[in-house]
Amino acid sequence: MNEENKFNAFKRIFEGENLPEEHKEQVMQQIDTLKFIMDVADIFTIKQVKANSQLCEALLNNEQEDHNSSEDVD
């Protein structure tokens, strides 16, 4: 048994065997689906929070600028 197979359980299980091409295609499709789900989740979680915080910051800065400019007029 070579050094790589010693640490990779899957290679030990299927040593000398090849997976059918249809299984490889299914695995790749599942990986693509998971990547898509992660991208969608990223849009609606992390990026949404960032966008909300940037919007709040912009609104607060705008309100402060309006308040400061009205004090200058008085």
Protein backbone atom coordinates (compact mmCIF):
# COMPACT_ATOMS: atom_id res chain seq x y z
CA MET A 1 0.00 0.00 0.00
CA ASN A 2 1.50 3.34 -0.99
CA GLU A 3 1.73 6.37 1.32
CA GLU A 4 -1.24 8.25 -0.29
CA ASN A 5 -3.66 5.33 0.08
CA LYS A 6 -2.70 4.93 3.72
CA PHE A 7 -4.26 8.33 4.55
CA ASN A 8 -7.15 8.32 2.06
CA ALA A 9 -9.85 5.89 3.21
CA PHE A 10 -11.76 6.15 -0.07
CA LYS A 11 -8.75 5.04 -2.07
CA ARG A 12 -8.34 2.06 0.26
CA ILE A 13 -12.00 1.07 -0.13
CA PHE A 14 -12.01 1.33 -3.93
CA GLU A 15 -8.39 0.44 -4.56
CA GLY A 16 -8.05 -0.88 -8.09
CA GLU A 17 -11.66 0.05 -9.01
CA ASN A 18 -12.95 2.99 -11.02
CA LEU A 19 -16.26 4.68 -10.43
CA PRO A 20 -18.70 4.61 -13.31
CA GLU A 21 -18.79 7.84 -15.31
CA GLU A 22 -22.44 8.46 -14.37
CA HIS A 23 -21.48 8.55 -10.67
CA LYS A 24 -18.77 11.09 -11.38
CA GLU A 25 -21.30 13.25 -13.24
CA GLN A 26 -23.79 12.98 -10.36
CA VAL A 27 -21.14 14.02 -7.85
CA MET A 28 -20.13 17.01 -9.97
CA GLN A 29 -23.79 18.04 -10.35
CA GLN A 30 -24.28 17.81 -6.60
CA ILE A 31 -21.18 19.93 -6.00
CA ASP A 32 -22.47 22.54 -8.47
CA THR A 33 -25.86 22.52 -6.73
CA LEU A 34 -24.24 23.00 -3.33
CA LYS A 35 -22.12 25.88 -4.67
CA PHE A 36 -25.28 27.52 -6.02
CA ILE A 37 -27.08 27.09 -2.68
CA MET A 38 -24.10 28.59 -0.86
CA ASP A 39 -24.09 31.57 -3.24
CA VAL A 40 -27.82 32.15 -2.70
CA ALA A 41 -27.42 31.85 1.06
CA ASP A 42 -24.52 34.29 0.91
CA ILE A 43 -26.64 36.83 -0.95
CA PHE A 44 -29.49 36.66 1.56
CA THR A 45 -27.37 36.54 4.71
CA ILE A 46 -23.91 38.05 4.75
CA LYS A 47 -24.28 40.41 1.78
CA GLN A 48 -27.74 41.49 2.92
CA VAL A 49 -26.39 42.43 6.34
CA LYS A 50 -23.52 44.37 4.74
CA ALA A 51 -25.93 46.19 2.44
CA ASN A 52 -28.25 47.05 5.34
CA SER A 53 -25.39 48.40 7.45
CA GLN A 54 -24.08 50.49 4.55
CA LEU A 55 -27.56 51.87 3.93
CA CYS A 56 -28.01 52.77 7.60
CA GLU A 57 -24.59 54.39 7.68
CA ALA A 58 -25.34 56.42 4.57
CA LEU A 59 -28.69 57.55 5.95
CA LEU A 60 -27.15 58.56 9.28
CA ASN A 61 -24.35 60.45 7.55
CA ASN A 62 -26.87 62.21 5.33
CA GLU A 63 -29.01 63.13 8.35
CA GLN A 64 -25.96 64.47 10.20
CA GLU A 65 -24.94 66.53 7.18
CA ASP A 66 -28.46 67.96 6.91
CA HIS A 67 -28.44 68.76 10.62
CA ASN A 68 -25.00 70.41 10.40
CA SER A 69 -25.96 72.48 7.36
CA SER A 70 -29.16 73.71 9.03
CA GLU A 71 -27.11 74.84 12.05
CA ASP A 72 -24.84 76.81 9.74
CA VAL A 73 -27.84 78.68 8.29
CA ASP A 74 -29.18 79.68 11.70
